[in-house]
């Protein structure tokens, strides 16, 4: 059976859902998106994703199509209609449709779509083996704190890296690490300090990133937010990425140079366990109590 998707106020089978060829999301990548994980029938870190959605829309001057109450109801309803208990909920909001023109009018009607992806989020094999990353020059647009659908550079570079035997890429700008193709990047120094890039327009303000920093501090781990070089990353005892789709995933090598002993480190494993247990305990249930 087709998945049920949401499109501009309608529930449709995925083959019935149609978006105009004149939509600015299609023509100009003039759109933002969010992804929320679902595990054990619960929305994970939903308040953070909803807040970032509003920030991205405000930055792009795109009106929010629904209010906060309806947005949450749509997430729950979509999951129920597709019997989703583990996987992802993706939403995308574009500025809307008009005849192709670089200049857009005020008060356009946004195109709003949502769909589910059934996936074993907790069955991530890379949690045991870790990731190999390849450094590449940063080539994305400068406003990376906005979660737009402008993902072509990331897609091209990640595909090239995988064809060369790597799992993902690590973007480098002016000698400093920014992030991976679709995840924030972190290192653990030899004294056990968790270090991640400080927030700016150079990287996405990851929701999982923020949660991990909070959990690290609660667990008594030292954490720093600052820039760091590729050399410092390679000299770290551990490294990992964070995202809404992969939670905390270890990185075991950069440019085929092992990180630490080349295996999944204890602090990375600790943070992954802390995150999963905390989110299972405090996730937002989809079904009514």
C-alpha atoms as a PDB file:
ATOM      1  CA  UNK A   1       0.000   0.000   0.000  1.00  0.00           C
ATOM      2  CA  UNK A   2       1.051   3.590  -0.617  1.00  0.00           C
ATOM      3  CA  UNK A   3       2.255   5.619   2.301  1.00  0.00           C
ATOM      4  CA  UNK A   4      -0.142   8.335   3.350  1.00  0.00           C
ATOM      5  CA  UNK A   5       1.440  11.762   2.976  1.00  0.00           C
ATOM      6  CA  UNK A   6       0.274  15.213   4.000  1.00  0.00           C
ATOM      7  CA  UNK A   7       0.184  17.934   1.372  1.00  0.00           C
ATOM      8  CA  UNK A   8      -1.328  21.388   1.861  1.00  0.00           C
ATOM      9  CA  UNK A   9      -4.089  20.264   4.186  1.00  0.00           C
ATOM     10  CA  UNK A  10      -4.877  16.947   2.485  1.00  0.00           C
ATOM     11  CA  UNK A  11      -4.083  13.325   3.296  1.00  0.00           C
ATOM     12  CA  UNK A  12      -3.122  11.546   0.093  1.00  0.00           C
ATOM     13  CA  UNK A  13      -1.548   8.334  -1.115  1.00  0.00           C
ATOM     14  CA  UNK A  14       2.082   8.974  -2.043  1.00  0.00           C
ATOM     15  CA  UNK A  15       1.369   8.434  -5.767  1.00  0.00           C
ATOM     16  CA  UNK A  16      -1.505  10.933  -5.638  1.00  0.00           C
ATOM     17  CA  UNK A  17       0.464  13.770  -4.017  1.00  0.00           C
ATOM     18  CA  UNK A  18       1.544  16.314  -6.632  1.00  0.00           C
ATOM     19  CA  UNK A  19       3.533  19.547  -6.340  1.00  0.00           C
ATOM     20  CA  UNK A  20       3.579  22.180  -9.084  1.00  0.00           C
ATOM     21  CA  UNK A  21       6.545  22.287 -11.453  1.00  0.00           C
ATOM     22  CA  UNK A  22       6.537  26.022 -10.684  1.00  0.00           C
ATOM     23  CA  UNK A  23       7.135  25.473  -6.988  1.00  0.00           C
ATOM     24  CA  UNK A  24      10.118  27.534  -5.805  1.00  0.00           C
ATOM     25  CA  UNK A  25      11.385  24.588  -3.786  1.00  0.00           C
ATOM     26  CA  UNK A  26      11.832  22.737  -7.080  1.00  0.00           C
ATOM     27  CA  UNK A  27      13.110  25.693  -9.119  1.00  0.00           C
ATOM     28  CA  UNK A  28      15.296  27.522  -6.592  1.00  0.00           C
ATOM     29  CA  UNK A  29      15.703  25.215  -3.547  1.00  0.00           C
ATOM     30  CA  UNK A  30      13.667  27.916  -1.819  1.00  0.00           C
ATOM     31  CA  UNK A  31      12.491  25.681   1.007  1.00  0.00           C
ATOM     32  CA  UNK A  32      13.362  24.434   4.467  1.00  0.00           C
ATOM     33  CA  UNK A  33      12.939  21.015   6.071  1.00  0.00           C
ATOM     34  CA  UNK A  34      13.048  19.155   9.376  1.00  0.00           C
ATOM     35  CA  UNK A  35      13.419  15.489  10.291  1.00  0.00           C
ATOM     36  CA  UNK A  36      12.178  14.034  13.567  1.00  0.00           C
ATOM     37  CA  UNK A  37      13.021  10.508  14.659  1.00  0.00           C
ATOM     38  CA  UNK A  38      10.424   8.123  16.055  1.00  0.00           C
ATOM     39  CA  UNK A  39      11.437   5.285  18.367  1.00  0.00           C
ATOM     40  CA  UNK A  40       9.178   3.128  20.516  1.00  0.00           C
ATOM     41  CA  UNK A  41       6.189   5.123  19.268  1.00  0.00           C
ATOM     42  CA  UNK A  42       7.637   8.415  20.547  1.00  0.00           C
ATOM     43  CA  UNK A  43       8.743  11.616  18.835  1.00  0.00           C
ATOM     44  CA  UNK A  44      12.390  12.270  19.730  1.00  0.00           C
ATOM     45  CA  UNK A  45      13.545  15.823  20.561  1.00  0.00           C
ATOM     46  CA  UNK A  46      10.353  17.158  18.977  1.00  0.00           C
ATOM     47  CA  UNK A  47      10.278  20.557  20.781  1.00  0.00           C
ATOM     48  CA  UNK A  48      13.768  21.369  19.525  1.00  0.00           C
ATOM     49  CA  UNK A  49      12.895  20.488  15.939  1.00  0.00           C
ATOM     50  CA  UNK A  50       9.688  22.539  16.077  1.00  0.00           C
ATOM     51  CA  UNK A  51      11.592  25.537  17.446  1.00  0.00           C
ATOM     52  CA  UNK A  52      14.303  25.288  14.776  1.00  0.00           C
ATOM     53  CA  UNK A  53      11.637  24.993  12.083  1.00  0.00           C
ATOM     54  CA  UNK A  54      10.242  28.342  13.176  1.00  0.00           C
ATOM     55  CA  UNK A  55      13.720  29.910  13.235  1.00  0.00           C
ATOM     56  CA  UNK A  56      14.442  28.668   9.706  1.00  0.00           C
ATOM     57  CA  UNK A  57      11.107  29.941   8.399  1.00  0.00           C
ATOM     58  CA  UNK A  58      11.617  33.330  10.041  1.00  0.00           C
ATOM     59  CA  UNK A  59      15.122  33.594   8.536  1.00  0.00           C
ATOM     60  CA  UNK A  60      13.721  32.837   5.079  1.00  0.00           C
ATOM     61  CA  UNK A  61      10.650  35.070   5.600  1.00  0.00           C
ATOM     62  CA  UNK A  62       8.319  32.154   4.885  1.00  0.00           C
ATOM     63  CA  UNK A  63       5.098  32.104   6.943  1.00  0.00           C
ATOM     64  CA  UNK A  64       4.376  29.101   9.145  1.00  0.00           C
ATOM     65  CA  UNK A  65       1.479  27.243   7.466  1.00  0.00           C
ATOM     66  CA  UNK A  66      -0.001  25.929  10.747  1.00  0.00           C
ATOM     67  CA  UNK A  67       0.216  26.828  14.423  1.00  0.00           C
ATOM     68  CA  UNK A  68       2.247  24.895  17.005  1.00  0.00           C
ATOM     69  CA  UNK A  69      -0.690  22.816  18.225  1.00  0.00           C
ATOM     70  CA  UNK A  70      -1.652  21.705  14.722  1.00  0.00           C
ATOM     71  CA  UNK A  71       1.951  20.973  13.798  1.00  0.00           C
ATOM     72  CA  UNK A  72       2.299  18.504  16.654  1.00  0.00           C
ATOM     73  CA  UNK A  73      -1.096  16.976  15.835  1.00  0.00           C
ATOM     74  CA  UNK A  74      -0.003  16.483  12.210  1.00  0.00           C
ATOM     75  CA  UNK A  75       3.150  14.633  13.298  1.00  0.00           C
ATOM     76  CA  UNK A  76       1.147  12.292  15.488  1.00  0.00           C
ATOM     77  CA  UNK A  77      -1.621  11.791  12.926  1.00  0.00           C
ATOM     78  CA  UNK A  78       0.874  11.066  10.132  1.00  0.00           C
ATOM     79  CA  UNK A  79       2.643   8.453  12.255  1.00  0.00           C
ATOM     80  CA  UNK A  80      -0.667   6.803  13.161  1.00  0.00           C
ATOM     81  CA  UNK A  81      -1.929   6.737   9.571  1.00  0.00           C
ATOM     82  CA  UNK A  82       1.282   4.964   8.511  1.00  0.00           C
ATOM     83  CA  UNK A  83       1.547   2.737  11.606  1.00  0.00           C
ATOM     84  CA  UNK A  84       4.993   4.194  12.258  1.00  0.00           C
ATOM     85  CA  UNK A  85       6.533   3.175  15.570  1.00  0.00           C
ATOM     86  CA  UNK A  86      10.190   3.481  14.507  1.00  0.00           C
ATOM     87  CA  UNK A  87      11.603   5.613  11.732  1.00  0.00           C
ATOM     88  CA  UNK A  88      11.548   9.219  10.591  1.00  0.00           C
ATOM     89  CA  UNK A  89       9.055  11.980   9.914  1.00  0.00           C
ATOM     90  CA  UNK A  90      10.186  14.421   7.223  1.00  0.00           C
ATOM     91  CA  UNK A  91       8.531  17.765   6.576  1.00  0.00           C
ATOM     92  CA  UNK A  92       9.296  20.368   3.941  1.00  0.00           C
ATOM     93  CA  UNK A  93       7.928  23.862   3.513  1.00  0.00           C
ATOM     94  CA  UNK A  94       8.686  25.828   0.361  1.00  0.00           C
ATOM     95  CA  UNK A  95       7.833  29.447  -0.329  1.00  0.00           C
ATOM     96  CA  UNK A  96       5.189  28.281  -2.796  1.00  0.00           C
ATOM     97  CA  UNK A  97       4.497  28.378  -6.525  1.00  0.00           C
ATOM     98  CA  UNK A  98       4.776  31.211  -9.045  1.00  0.00           C
ATOM     99  CA  UNK A  99       5.882  31.626 -12.656  1.00  0.00           C
ATOM    100  CA  UNK A 100       9.682  31.309 -12.653  1.00  0.00           C
ATOM    101  CA  UNK A 101      11.248  34.556 -11.464  1.00  0.00           C
ATOM    102  CA  UNK A 102      14.178  35.362  -9.175  1.00  0.00           C
ATOM    103  CA  UNK A 103      12.012  37.981  -7.465  1.00  0.00           C
ATOM    104  CA  UNK A 104       9.116  36.636  -5.417  1.00  0.00           C
ATOM    105  CA  UNK A 105       6.057  38.535  -4.229  1.00  0.00           C
ATOM    106  CA  UNK A 106       5.049  38.959  -0.604  1.00  0.00           C
ATOM    107  CA  UNK A 107       2.401  36.757   1.011  1.00  0.00           C
ATOM    108  CA  UNK A 108       2.913  33.660  -1.147  1.00  0.00           C
ATOM    109  CA  UNK A 109       1.080  30.525  -0.034  1.00  0.00           C
ATOM    110  CA  UNK A 110       3.686  27.994   1.167  1.00  0.00           C
ATOM    111  CA  UNK A 111       3.763  24.416  -0.046  1.00  0.00           C
ATOM    112  CA  UNK A 112       3.736  22.165   3.017  1.00  0.00           C
ATOM    113  CA  UNK A 113       4.352  18.424   2.804  1.00  0.00           C
ATOM    114  CA  UNK A 114       5.101  15.669   5.317  1.00  0.00           C
ATOM    115  CA  UNK A 115       5.893  11.973   4.914  1.00  0.00           C
ATOM    116  CA  UNK A 116       7.214   9.034   6.924  1.00  0.00           C
ATOM    117  CA  UNK A 117      10.163   6.711   6.402  1.00  0.00           C
ATOM    118  CA  UNK A 118       9.971   3.388   8.234  1.00  0.00           C
ATOM    119  CA  UNK A 119      13.485   2.574   9.406  1.00  0.00           C
ATOM    120  CA  UNK A 120      15.252   0.649  12.149  1.00  0.00           C
ATOM    121  CA  UNK A 121      16.746   3.735  13.773  1.00  0.00           C
ATOM    122  CA  UNK A 122      18.042   1.660  16.689  1.00  0.00           C
ATOM    123  CA  UNK A 123      19.636  -0.877  14.330  1.00  0.00           C
ATOM    124  CA  UNK A 124      22.469   1.381  13.181  1.00  0.00           C
ATOM    125  CA  UNK A 125      25.376  -0.985  12.384  1.00  0.00           C
ATOM    126  CA  UNK A 126      27.836   1.935  12.381  1.00  0.00           C
ATOM    127  CA  UNK A 127      27.370   2.326  16.130  1.00  0.00           C
ATOM    128  CA  UNK A 128      29.537  -0.787  16.482  1.00  0.00           C
ATOM    129  CA  UNK A 129      32.057  -0.268  13.679  1.00  0.00           C
ATOM    130  CA  UNK A 130      32.290   3.507  13.414  1.00  0.00           C
ATOM    131  CA  UNK A 131      32.585   5.780  10.379  1.00  0.00           C
ATOM    132  CA  UNK A 132      35.471   6.664   8.103  1.00  0.00           C
ATOM    133  CA  UNK A 133      35.460  10.303   6.984  1.00  0.00           C
ATOM    134  CA  UNK A 134      37.200  12.098   4.144  1.00  0.00           C
ATOM    135  CA  UNK A 135      38.076  15.780   4.490  1.00  0.00           C
ATOM    136  CA  UNK A 136      36.882  18.038   1.666  1.00  0.00           C
ATOM    137  CA  UNK A 137      36.808  21.822   1.217  1.00  0.00           C
ATOM    138  CA  UNK A 138      33.691  23.563   2.483  1.00  0.00           C
ATOM    139  CA  UNK A 139      31.615  24.552  -0.530  1.00  0.00           C
ATOM    140  CA  UNK A 140      28.103  25.166   0.777  1.00  0.00           C
ATOM    141  CA  UNK A 141      26.361  28.517   1.011  1.00  0.00           C
ATOM    142  CA  UNK A 142      27.265  30.699   3.990  1.00  0.00           C
ATOM    143  CA  UNK A 143      23.949  30.568   5.883  1.00  0.00           C
ATOM    144  CA  UNK A 144      24.263  26.979   7.079  1.00  0.00           C
ATOM    145  CA  UNK A 145      22.409  27.641  10.332  1.00  0.00           C
ATOM    146  CA  UNK A 146      19.194  27.645   8.267  1.00  0.00           C
ATOM    147  CA  UNK A 147      18.002  24.117   7.499  1.00  0.00           C
ATOM    148  CA  UNK A 148      17.309  24.606   3.804  1.00  0.00           C
ATOM    149  CA  UNK A 149      16.985  21.965   1.094  1.00  0.00           C
ATOM    150  CA  UNK A 150      20.163  23.270  -0.585  1.00  0.00           C
ATOM    151  CA  UNK A 151      21.924  19.927  -0.164  1.00  0.00           C
ATOM    152  CA  UNK A 152      23.484  19.382  -3.586  1.00  0.00           C
ATOM    153  CA  UNK A 153      27.107  19.990  -2.558  1.00  0.00           C
ATOM    154  CA  UNK A 154      26.740  17.669   0.431  1.00  0.00           C
ATOM    155  CA  UNK A 155      25.118  15.025  -1.751  1.00  0.00           C
ATOM    156  CA  UNK A 156      27.805  15.226  -4.449  1.00  0.00           C
ATOM    157  CA  UNK A 157      30.703  15.099  -2.000  1.00  0.00           C
ATOM    158  CA  UNK A 158      29.243  12.284   0.106  1.00  0.00           C
ATOM    159  CA  UNK A 159      28.580  10.220  -3.015  1.00  0.00           C
ATOM    160  CA  UNK A 160      32.136  10.788  -4.255  1.00  0.00           C
ATOM    161  CA  UNK A 161      33.533   9.860  -0.838  1.00  0.00           C
ATOM    162  CA  UNK A 162      31.547   6.621  -0.672  1.00  0.00           C
ATOM    163  CA  UNK A 163      32.773   5.647  -4.133  1.00  0.00           C
ATOM    164  CA  UNK A 164      36.315   6.060  -2.780  1.00  0.00           C
ATOM    165  CA  UNK A 165      35.598   3.805   0.205  1.00  0.00           C
ATOM    166  CA  UNK A 166      34.656   6.378   2.874  1.00  0.00           C
ATOM    167  CA  UNK A 167      31.373   6.630   4.749  1.00  0.00           C
ATOM    168  CA  UNK A 168      31.002  10.409   4.771  1.00  0.00           C
ATOM    169  CA  UNK A 169      32.823  13.707   4.380  1.00  0.00           C
ATOM    170  CA  UNK A 170      34.139  16.262   6.845  1.00  0.00           C
ATOM    171  CA  UNK A 171      33.951  19.846   5.609  1.00  0.00           C
ATOM    172  CA  UNK A 172      36.923  22.116   6.277  1.00  0.00           C
ATOM    173  CA  UNK A 173      36.881  25.912   5.963  1.00  0.00           C
ATOM    174  CA  UNK A 174      39.860  28.223   6.601  1.00  0.00           C
ATOM    175  CA  UNK A 175      41.676  25.361   8.302  1.00  0.00           C
ATOM    176  CA  UNK A 176      38.854  24.548  10.732  1.00  0.00           C
ATOM    177  CA  UNK A 177      36.326  21.723  10.722  1.00  0.00           C
ATOM    178  CA  UNK A 178      32.715  22.800  10.213  1.00  0.00           C
ATOM    179  CA  UNK A 179      30.640  19.586  10.149  1.00  0.00           C
ATOM    180  CA  UNK A 180      29.899  16.394   8.223  1.00  0.00           C
ATOM    181  CA  UNK A 181      27.588  16.235   5.203  1.00  0.00           C
ATOM    182  CA  UNK A 182      24.426  16.145   7.328  1.00  0.00           C
ATOM    183  CA  UNK A 183      25.615  15.947  10.927  1.00  0.00           C
ATOM    184  CA  UNK A 184      27.535  17.892  13.542  1.00  0.00           C
ATOM    185  CA  UNK A 185      31.057  16.679  14.304  1.00  0.00           C
ATOM    186  CA  UNK A 186      32.659  16.311  17.741  1.00  0.00           C
ATOM    187  CA  UNK A 187      35.963  15.158  19.168  1.00  0.00           C
ATOM    188  CA  UNK A 188      37.075  13.918  22.565  1.00  0.00           C
ATOM    189  CA  UNK A 189      40.509  15.143  23.638  1.00  0.00           C
ATOM    190  CA  UNK A 190      43.013  12.931  25.408  1.00  0.00           C
ATOM    191  CA  UNK A 191      41.947  14.419  28.769  1.00  0.00           C
ATOM    192  CA  UNK A 192      38.316  13.401  28.108  1.00  0.00           C
ATOM    193  CA  UNK A 193      36.930  16.799  27.069  1.00  0.00           C
ATOM    194  CA  UNK A 194      34.121  16.755  24.509  1.00  0.00           C
ATOM    195  CA  UNK A 195      34.789  19.495  21.945  1.00  0.00           C
ATOM    196  CA  UNK A 196      32.370  20.699  19.280  1.00  0.00           C
ATOM    197  CA  UNK A 197      32.321  23.684  16.944  1.00  0.00           C
ATOM    198  CA  UNK A 198      30.721  26.774  18.496  1.00  0.00           C
ATOM    199  CA  UNK A 199      27.424  27.887  16.969  1.00  0.00           C
ATOM    200  CA  UNK A 200      27.509  30.346  14.083  1.00  0.00           C
ATOM    201  CA  UNK A 201      26.287  30.536  10.494  1.00  0.00           C
ATOM    202  CA  UNK A 202      29.112  28.111   9.581  1.00  0.00           C
ATOM    203  CA  UNK A 203      27.131  25.059  10.670  1.00  0.00           C
ATOM    204  CA  UNK A 204      23.653  23.801  11.393  1.00  0.00           C
ATOM    205  CA  UNK A 205      22.526  24.329  14.979  1.00  0.00           C
ATOM    206  CA  UNK A 206      21.875  20.639  15.559  1.00  0.00           C
ATOM    207  CA  UNK A 207      19.141  19.609  17.960  1.00  0.00           C
ATOM    208  CA  UNK A 208      20.883  16.346  18.823  1.00  0.00           C
ATOM    209  CA  UNK A 209      24.127  18.303  19.235  1.00  0.00           C
ATOM    210  CA  UNK A 210      22.539  20.460  21.936  1.00  0.00           C
ATOM    211  CA  UNK A 211      21.014  17.470  23.697  1.00  0.00           C
ATOM    212  CA  UNK A 212      24.353  15.647  23.762  1.00  0.00           C
ATOM    213  CA  UNK A 213      26.137  18.652  25.257  1.00  0.00           C
ATOM    214  CA  UNK A 214      23.523  18.840  28.012  1.00  0.00           C
ATOM    215  CA  UNK A 215      23.789  15.114  28.721  1.00  0.00           C
ATOM    216  CA  UNK A 216      27.591  15.272  28.750  1.00  0.00           C
ATOM    217  CA  UNK A 217      27.587  18.050  31.329  1.00  0.00           C
ATOM    218  CA  UNK A 218      24.985  16.263  33.459  1.00  0.00           C
ATOM    219  CA  UNK A 219      27.171  13.144  33.380  1.00  0.00           C
ATOM    220  CA  UNK A 220      30.113  15.167  34.700  1.00  0.00           C
ATOM    221  CA  UNK A 221      32.014  15.326  31.415  1.00  0.00           C
ATOM    222  CA  UNK A 222      33.838  18.497  30.460  1.00  0.00           C
ATOM    223  CA  UNK A 223      32.566  20.087  27.243  1.00  0.00           C
ATOM    224  CA  UNK A 224      33.869  22.956  25.125  1.00  0.00           C
ATOM    225  CA  UNK A 225      32.387  24.803  22.151  1.00  0.00           C
ATOM    226  CA  UNK A 226      35.160  26.173  19.931  1.00  0.00           C
ATOM    227  CA  UNK A 227      36.809  25.846  16.544  1.00  0.00           C
ATOM    228  CA  UNK A 228      39.379  23.113  15.949  1.00  0.00           C
ATOM    229  CA  UNK A 229      41.577  21.986  13.076  1.00  0.00           C
ATOM    230  CA  UNK A 230      41.767  18.708  11.172  1.00  0.00           C
ATOM    231  CA  UNK A 231      45.104  18.026  12.865  1.00  0.00           C
ATOM    232  CA  UNK A 232      43.495  18.382  16.298  1.00  0.00           C
ATOM    233  CA  UNK A 233      40.686  16.076  15.233  1.00  0.00           C
ATOM    234  CA  UNK A 234      43.173  13.473  14.026  1.00  0.00           C
ATOM    235  CA  UNK A 235      45.051  13.719  17.327  1.00  0.00           C
ATOM    236  CA  UNK A 236      41.883  13.225  19.394  1.00  0.00           C
ATOM    237  CA  UNK A 237      41.233  10.093  21.419  1.00  0.00           C
ATOM    238  CA  UNK A 238      37.687   9.769  20.014  1.00  0.00           C
ATOM    239  CA  UNK A 239      35.395  11.420  17.500  1.00  0.00           C
ATOM    240  CA  UNK A 240      31.698  11.162  16.657  1.00  0.00           C
ATOM    241  CA  UNK A 241      28.881  12.800  14.729  1.00  0.00           C
ATOM    242  CA  UNK A 242      25.384  13.655  15.934  1.00  0.00           C
ATOM    243  CA  UNK A 243      22.150  13.997  14.002  1.00  0.00           C
ATOM    244  CA  UNK A 244      18.431  13.363  14.328  1.00  0.00           C
ATOM    245  CA  UNK A 245      18.709  10.269  12.134  1.00  0.00           C
ATOM    246  CA  UNK A 246      21.842   8.644  13.565  1.00  0.00           C
ATOM    247  CA  UNK A 247      21.900  10.022  17.146  1.00  0.00           C
ATOM    248  CA  UNK A 248      25.550   9.530  18.231  1.00  0.00           C
ATOM    249  CA  UNK A 249      27.690   7.668  15.691  1.00  0.00           C
ATOM    250  CA  UNK A 250      31.408   7.064  16.286  1.00  0.00           C
ATOM    251  CA  UNK A 251      34.075   8.168  13.817  1.00  0.00           C
ATOM    252  CA  UNK A 252      37.115   5.871  13.779  1.00  0.00           C
ATOM    253  CA  UNK A 253      39.229   7.421  11.012  1.00  0.00           C
ATOM    254  CA  UNK A 254      39.748  10.633   9.047  1.00  0.00           C
ATOM    255  CA  UNK A 255      41.474  10.431   5.657  1.00  0.00           C
ATOM    256  CA  UNK A 256      42.320   6.824   6.563  1.00  0.00           C
ATOM    257  CA  UNK A 257      44.197   7.955   9.706  1.00  0.00           C
ATOM    258  CA  UNK A 258      42.837   6.142  12.792  1.00  0.00           C
ATOM    259  CA  UNK A 259      41.310   8.238  15.568  1.00  0.00           C
ATOM    260  CA  UNK A 260      42.687   7.061  18.909  1.00  0.00           C
ATOM    261  CA  UNK A 261      43.065   3.309  18.655  1.00  0.00           C
ATOM    262  CA  UNK A 262      40.792   3.151  15.621  1.00  0.00           C
ATOM    263  CA  UNK A 263      37.882   1.667  17.566  1.00  0.00           C
ATOM    264  CA  UNK A 264      34.680   2.989  19.114  1.00  0.00           C
ATOM    265  CA  UNK A 265      35.647   4.944  22.228  1.00  0.00           C
ATOM    266  CA  UNK A 266      34.106   4.676  25.712  1.00  0.00           C
ATOM    267  CA  UNK A 267      32.858   8.266  25.938  1.00  0.00           C
ATOM    268  CA  UNK A 268      31.153   8.027  22.553  1.00  0.00           C
ATOM    269  CA  UNK A 269      29.491   4.793  23.639  1.00  0.00           C
ATOM    270  CA  UNK A 270      28.480   6.380  26.963  1.00  0.00           C
ATOM    271  CA  UNK A 271      26.889   9.380  25.249  1.00  0.00           C
ATOM    272  CA  UNK A 272      24.976   7.163  22.812  1.00  0.00           C
ATOM    273  CA  UNK A 273      23.577   5.077  25.678  1.00  0.00           C
ATOM    274  CA  UNK A 274      22.709   8.188  27.677  1.00  0.00           C
ATOM    275  CA  UNK A 275      20.924   9.740  24.706  1.00  0.00           C
ATOM    276  CA  UNK A 276      18.865   6.674  23.806  1.00  0.00           C
ATOM    277  CA  UNK A 277      17.837   5.975  27.398  1.00  0.00           C
ATOM    278  CA  UNK A 278      16.961   9.616  28.057  1.00  0.00           C
ATOM    279  CA  UNK A 279      14.935   9.991  24.863  1.00  0.00           C
ATOM    280  CA  UNK A 280      13.089   6.722  25.404  1.00  0.00           C
ATOM    281  CA  UNK A 281      12.169   7.991  28.867  1.00  0.00           C
ATOM    282  CA  UNK A 282      11.212  11.513  27.799  1.00  0.00           C
ATOM    283  CA  UNK A 283      10.140  11.224  24.157  1.00  0.00           C
ATOM    284  CA  UNK A 284       6.696  12.534  23.209  1.00  0.00           C
ATOM    285  CA  UNK A 285       4.216   9.628  22.824  1.00  0.00           C
ATOM    286  CA  UNK A 286       2.386   9.547  19.523  1.00  0.00           C
ATOM    287  CA  UNK A 287      -0.588   7.627  20.887  1.00  0.00           C
ATOM    288  CA  UNK A 288      -2.799   9.314  23.476  1.00  0.00           C
ATOM    289  CA  UNK A 289      -2.278   8.167  27.038  1.00  0.00           C
END
